[in-house]
Amino acid sequence: MRRDHRPYSIKKLYQRLEKLYVRHFLRPQFEHLGKGAHVMKPWYVEIFGGPVTLGDYATVIAAPDKRVRLSVWSNFEGNGRIHIGSYCLICPGVRMGAASGIFIADNCMIASDAYITDADWHDIYNRASIGKSAPVHIDENVWIGDRATICKGVHIGKNSIIGASAVVTKDVPANSIAAGNPAQVVKMLDPDEKITTRSQWLADPAKLSHEFDLIDRAMLKDNDFFHWLRYLFFPKRGE
């Protein structure tokens, strides 16, 4: 990871700007945005249609080349929606498209470039139709790997892991690991192993925020304003 050359005060100002953007521009686009939500580079998060809900203490990370896109194209009954629970992690490039409904429980982690859809979006013969659609249900504490695709009607059980680039077309049972195209269960989790969830890690958000702040102060303590300007305009090799 490249060194962060910003002074501590500049980084904190940038984080306040992110929070201001979320409050004034992003929050109104959600039907509900829970408390403690942390959105990194929120100007690269796109919400289309609705309703879209995001629970408490969720983390959303976007990037210029990997926007997070949450889209609802309601069917004729108007019941399309996206619901993402509390303590979830949404990584750069994640896309969700809902015509019926995408329901993600608490503590789920969705890695970069994953795609979750509940519809075909075009019928085989009627290309002007959204085609077949069926809700997607992802239970608590599921981990979806990089570039995985979750297709319509799928139900993924609690604690399960979906491997990178997997294409999930059928239900995945709880406490299992599925991989491949089409995805198949390749392993069951050890029932004797304890699973630590994101809600446990975030049980004391104030304490965790203080610990991160101490890390920032230590890592950025030698960065002054002129060093930062020099880096911006005259970077050296390796910086």
Protein backbone atom coordinates (compact mmCIF):
# COMPACT_ATOMS: atom_id res chain seq x y z
CA MET A 1 0.00 0.00 0.00
CA ARG A 2 1.31 3.44 -0.93
CA ARG A 3 2.05 5.84 1.90
CA ASP A 4 -0.64 8.37 2.74
CA HIS A 5 1.11 11.72 2.39
CA ARG A 6 -1.74 13.84 3.73
CA PRO A 7 -1.37 15.69 7.02
CA TYR A 8 -3.65 14.38 9.75
CA SER A 9 -5.81 17.52 9.59
CA ILE A 10 -6.29 17.17 5.81
CA LYS A 11 -7.36 13.55 6.13
CA LYS A 12 -9.88 14.43 8.84
CA LEU A 13 -11.22 17.29 6.71
CA TYR A 14 -11.63 14.88 3.79
CA GLN A 15 -13.54 12.43 6.00
CA ARG A 16 -15.85 15.21 7.17
CA LEU A 17 -16.48 16.08 3.53
CA GLU A 18 -17.45 12.47 2.85
CA LYS A 19 -19.91 12.52 5.75
CA LEU A 20 -21.37 15.83 4.56
CA TYR A 21 -21.88 14.40 1.07
CA VAL A 22 -23.58 11.30 2.48
CA ARG A 23 -25.89 13.38 4.64
CA HIS A 24 -26.93 15.89 1.99
CA PHE A 25 -26.76 13.96 -1.30
CA LEU A 26 -26.71 10.20 -0.70
CA ARG A 27 -28.99 9.69 2.30
CA PRO A 28 -32.07 11.20 0.57
CA GLN A 29 -31.78 8.57 -2.17
CA PHE A 30 -32.23 5.71 0.33
CA GLU A 31 -35.59 4.78 1.79
CA HIS A 32 -33.57 4.13 4.94
CA LEU A 33 -29.88 4.61 5.74
CA GLY A 34 -28.99 3.36 9.19
CA LYS A 35 -26.90 5.03 11.86
CA GLY A 36 -23.14 4.75 11.77
CA ALA A 37 -22.96 3.98 8.04
CA HIS A 38 -19.47 4.64 6.68
CA VAL A 39 -19.21 5.40 2.96
CA MET A 40 -15.78 5.88 1.40
CA LYS A 41 -15.81 8.07 -1.73
CA PRO A 42 -19.62 8.36 -1.63
CA TRP A 43 -19.70 10.38 -4.88
CA TYR A 44 -19.03 7.09 -6.68
CA VAL A 45 -22.10 5.38 -5.19
CA GLU A 46 -25.09 5.36 -7.55
CA ILE A 47 -28.69 4.67 -6.46
CA PHE A 48 -31.27 4.19 -9.20
CA GLY A 49 -34.95 3.71 -8.42
CA GLY A 50 -36.08 2.32 -5.10
CA PRO A 51 -36.78 1.51 -2.44
CA VAL A 52 -33.22 0.78 -1.29
CA THR A 53 -32.45 0.32 2.41
CA LEU A 54 -29.10 -0.03 4.19
CA GLY A 55 -28.80 -0.98 7.86
CA ASP A 56 -26.76 0.31 10.78
CA TYR A 57 -22.96 0.46 10.76
CA ALA A 58 -22.64 -0.72 7.18
CA THR A 59 -19.45 0.01 5.25
CA VAL A 60 -19.57 0.93 1.57
CA ILE A 61 -16.34 1.45 -0.39
CA ALA A 62 -16.46 2.93 -3.88
CA ALA A 63 -13.76 4.01 -6.33
CA PRO A 64 -13.60 6.08 -9.54
CA ASP A 65 -13.13 2.99 -11.71
CA LYS A 66 -15.33 0.73 -9.56
CA ARG A 67 -18.57 2.47 -8.73
CA VAL A 68 -21.11 0.84 -6.44
CA ARG A 69 -24.46 0.66 -8.25
CA LEU A 70 -27.74 -0.28 -6.54
CA SER A 71 -30.59 -0.29 -9.05
CA VAL A 72 -34.28 -1.14 -8.71
CA TRP A 73 -36.34 -1.58 -11.88
CA SER A 74 -39.74 -2.45 -10.43
CA ASN A 75 -41.94 -4.90 -12.30
CA PHE A 76 -45.54 -4.08 -13.12
CA GLU A 77 -46.62 -4.81 -9.53
CA GLY A 78 -44.04 -2.28 -8.32
CA ASN A 79 -42.61 -4.60 -5.66
CA GLY A 80 -38.93 -4.43 -6.58
CA ARG A 81 -36.60 -3.46 -3.74
CA ILE A 82 -33.09 -3.87 -2.32
CA HIS A 83 -32.67 -4.44 1.41
CA ILE A 84 -29.15 -4.67 2.90
CA GLY A 85 -28.88 -5.38 6.62
CA SER A 86 -26.70 -3.96 9.37
CA TYR A 87 -22.91 -4.38 9.66
CA CYS A 88 -22.59 -5.35 5.99
CA LEU A 89 -19.52 -4.62 3.84
CA ILE A 90 -19.98 -3.54 0.22
CA CYS A 91 -16.69 -3.37 -1.72
CA PRO A 92 -15.77 -1.41 -4.87
CA GLY A 93 -17.52 -2.37 -8.10
CA VAL A 94 -20.45 -4.19 -6.49
CA ARG A 95 -23.64 -4.07 -8.59
CA MET A 96 -27.16 -5.07 -7.60
CA GLY A 97 -30.16 -5.06 -9.91
CA ALA A 98 -33.63 -5.80 -8.53
CA ALA A 99 -36.99 -6.25 -10.25
CA SER A 100 -38.59 -8.44 -7.55
CA GLY A 101 -36.35 -8.09 -4.51
CA ILE A 102 -32.84 -8.59 -3.18
CA PHE A 103 -32.73 -9.25 0.56
CA ILE A 104 -29.35 -9.35 2.30
CA ALA A 105 -29.23 -10.08 6.05
CA ASP A 106 -26.85 -8.66 8.66
CA ASN A 107 -23.06 -9.13 8.68
CA CYS A 108 -22.69 -10.04 5.01
CA MET A 109 -19.52 -9.20 3.08
CA ILE A 110 -19.69 -8.63 -0.67
CA ALA A 111 -16.31 -8.42 -2.37
CA SER A 112 -15.23 -6.31 -5.35
CA ASP A 113 -17.08 -6.59 -8.66
CA ALA A 114 -19.70 -9.03 -7.34
CA TYR A 115 -23.04 -8.89 -9.17
CA ILE A 116 -26.39 -9.77 -7.61
CA THR A 117 -29.49 -9.86 -9.81
CA ASP A 118 -33.02 -11.15 -9.39
CA ALA A 119 -34.01 -11.05 -13.07
CA ASP A 120 -32.91 -12.04 -16.58
CA TRP A 121 -33.60 -8.44 -17.71
CA HIS A 122 -34.57 -9.64 -21.21
CA ASP A 123 -36.94 -12.45 -22.15
CA ILE A 124 -35.63 -15.07 -24.54
CA TYR A 125 -38.23 -14.19 -27.17
CA ASN A 126 -39.55 -10.80 -25.99
CA ARG A 127 -36.44 -8.65 -25.75
CA ALA A 128 -38.50 -5.66 -24.54
CA SER A 129 -39.51 -7.57 -21.38
CA ILE A 130 -37.46 -7.94 -18.18
CA GLY A 131 -37.93 -11.70 -18.52
CA LYS A 132 -38.17 -14.04 -15.57
CA SER A 133 -37.64 -12.62 -12.07
CA ALA A 134 -37.48 -14.20 -8.61
CA PRO A 135 -36.26 -12.70 -5.29
CA VAL A 136 -32.73 -13.33 -4.03
CA HIS A 137 -32.26 -14.09 -0.32
CA ILE A 138 -28.82 -13.98 1.30
CA ASP A 139 -28.82 -15.02 4.95
CA GLU A 140 -26.73 -13.67 7.80
CA ASN A 141 -22.93 -13.61 7.71
CA VAL A 142 -22.51 -14.71 4.08
CA TRP A 143 -19.24 -13.87 2.31
CA ILE A 144 -19.46 -13.40 -1.45
CA GLY A 145 -16.08 -13.45 -3.23
CA ASP A 146 -14.62 -11.24 -5.96
CA ARG A 147 -16.51 -11.15 -9.27
CA ALA A 148 -19.09 -13.71 -8.11
CA THR A 149 -22.52 -13.59 -9.76
CA ILE A 150 -25.67 -14.40 -7.78
CA CYS A 151 -28.62 -15.14 -10.07
CA LYS A 152 -32.39 -14.86 -9.70
CA GLY A 153 -34.25 -16.97 -7.17
CA VAL A 154 -31.14 -18.04 -5.26
CA HIS A 155 -31.15 -18.52 -1.48
CA ILE A 156 -27.73 -18.58 0.22
CA GLY A 157 -27.73 -20.00 3.76
CA LYS A 158 -26.19 -18.52 6.89
CA ASN A 159 -22.37 -18.28 7.18
CA SER A 160 -21.75 -19.64 3.69
CA ILE A 161 -18.91 -18.52 1.41
CA ILE A 162 -19.16 -18.03 -2.35
CA GLY A 163 -15.82 -18.39 -4.14
CA ALA A 164 -14.30 -15.81 -6.48
CA SER A 165 -15.88 -15.70 -9.97
CA ALA A 166 -18.50 -18.29 -9.01
CA VAL A 167 -21.84 -18.18 -10.83
CA VAL A 168 -24.59 -19.17 -8.39
CA THR A 169 -27.74 -20.40 -10.11
CA LYS A 170 -29.11 -22.69 -7.36
CA ASP A 171 -29.56 -22.50 -3.60
CA VAL A 172 -26.49 -22.85 -1.38
CA PRO A 173 -27.02 -24.46 2.05
CA ALA A 174 -25.91 -22.85 5.30
CA ASN A 175 -22.33 -23.28 6.55
CA SER A 176 -20.92 -24.32 3.19
CA ILE A 177 -18.39 -23.15 0.61
CA ALA A 178 -19.54 -23.03 -3.02
CA ALA A 179 -17.36 -22.37 -6.05
CA GLY A 180 -17.29 -22.77 -9.82
CA ASN A 181 -19.55 -22.10 -12.81
CA PRO A 182 -22.20 -23.21 -12.13
CA ALA A 183 -21.39 -23.07 -8.43
CA GLN A 184 -21.31 -26.32 -6.47
CA VAL A 185 -20.73 -26.97 -2.78
CA VAL A 186 -17.08 -27.97 -2.40
CA LYS A 187 -16.74 -27.99 1.37
CA MET A 188 -18.73 -27.69 4.60
CA LEU A 189 -17.56 -25.39 7.40
CA ASP A 190 -16.27 -26.95 10.61
CA PRO A 191 -19.17 -26.79 13.10
CA ASP A 192 -16.71 -26.71 16.01
CA GLU A 193 -14.96 -23.53 14.81
CA LYS A 194 -16.17 -20.24 16.26
CA ILE A 195 -17.24 -17.62 13.69
CA THR A 196 -16.57 -13.95 14.49
CA THR A 197 -18.99 -11.57 12.77
CA ARG A 198 -18.65 -7.93 11.79
CA SER A 199 -21.25 -6.99 14.42
CA GLN A 200 -18.92 -8.35 17.10
CA TRP A 201 -16.00 -6.39 15.66
CA LEU A 202 -18.18 -3.25 15.62
CA ALA A 203 -19.77 -3.88 19.02
CA ASP A 204 -18.20 -0.68 20.42
CA PRO A 205 -18.05 1.72 17.45
CA ALA A 206 -16.81 4.66 19.53
CA LYS A 207 -13.86 2.65 20.84
CA LEU A 208 -13.05 1.32 17.36
CA SER A 209 -13.20 4.84 15.89
CA HIS A 210 -10.82 6.08 18.61
CA GLU A 211 -8.39 3.24 17.85
CA PHE A 212 -8.40 4.10 14.13
CA ASP A 213 -7.83 7.74 15.00
CA LEU A 214 -4.78 6.84 17.07
CA ILE A 215 -3.42 4.85 14.12
CA ASP A 216 -3.97 7.83 11.80
CA ARG A 217 -2.17 10.17 14.18
CA ALA A 218 0.80 7.82 14.40
CA MET A 219 1.06 7.14 10.66
CA LEU A 220 0.58 10.75 9.55
CA LYS A 221 2.52 12.54 12.29
CA ASP A 222 5.50 13.35 10.04
CA ASN A 223 3.36 14.71 7.19
CA ASP A 224 3.22 18.48 7.12
CA PHE A 225 1.32 20.69 4.68
CA PHE A 226 4.36 21.56 2.54
CA HIS A 227 5.39 17.90 2.27
CA TRP A 228 1.89 17.11 1.01
CA LEU A 229 2.00 19.92 -1.59
CA ARG A 230 5.42 18.77 -2.77
CA TYR A 231 4.09 15.22 -3.15
CA LEU A 232 1.03 16.43 -5.11
CA PHE A 233 3.00 18.47 -7.63
CA PHE A 234 6.49 16.91 -7.58
CA PRO A 235 6.15 13.25 -6.53
CA LYS A 236 9.30 11.19 -6.26
CA ARG A 237 9.76 7.70 -7.63
CA GLY A 238 8.09 5.12 -5.39
CA GLU A 239 5.76 7.61 -3.69
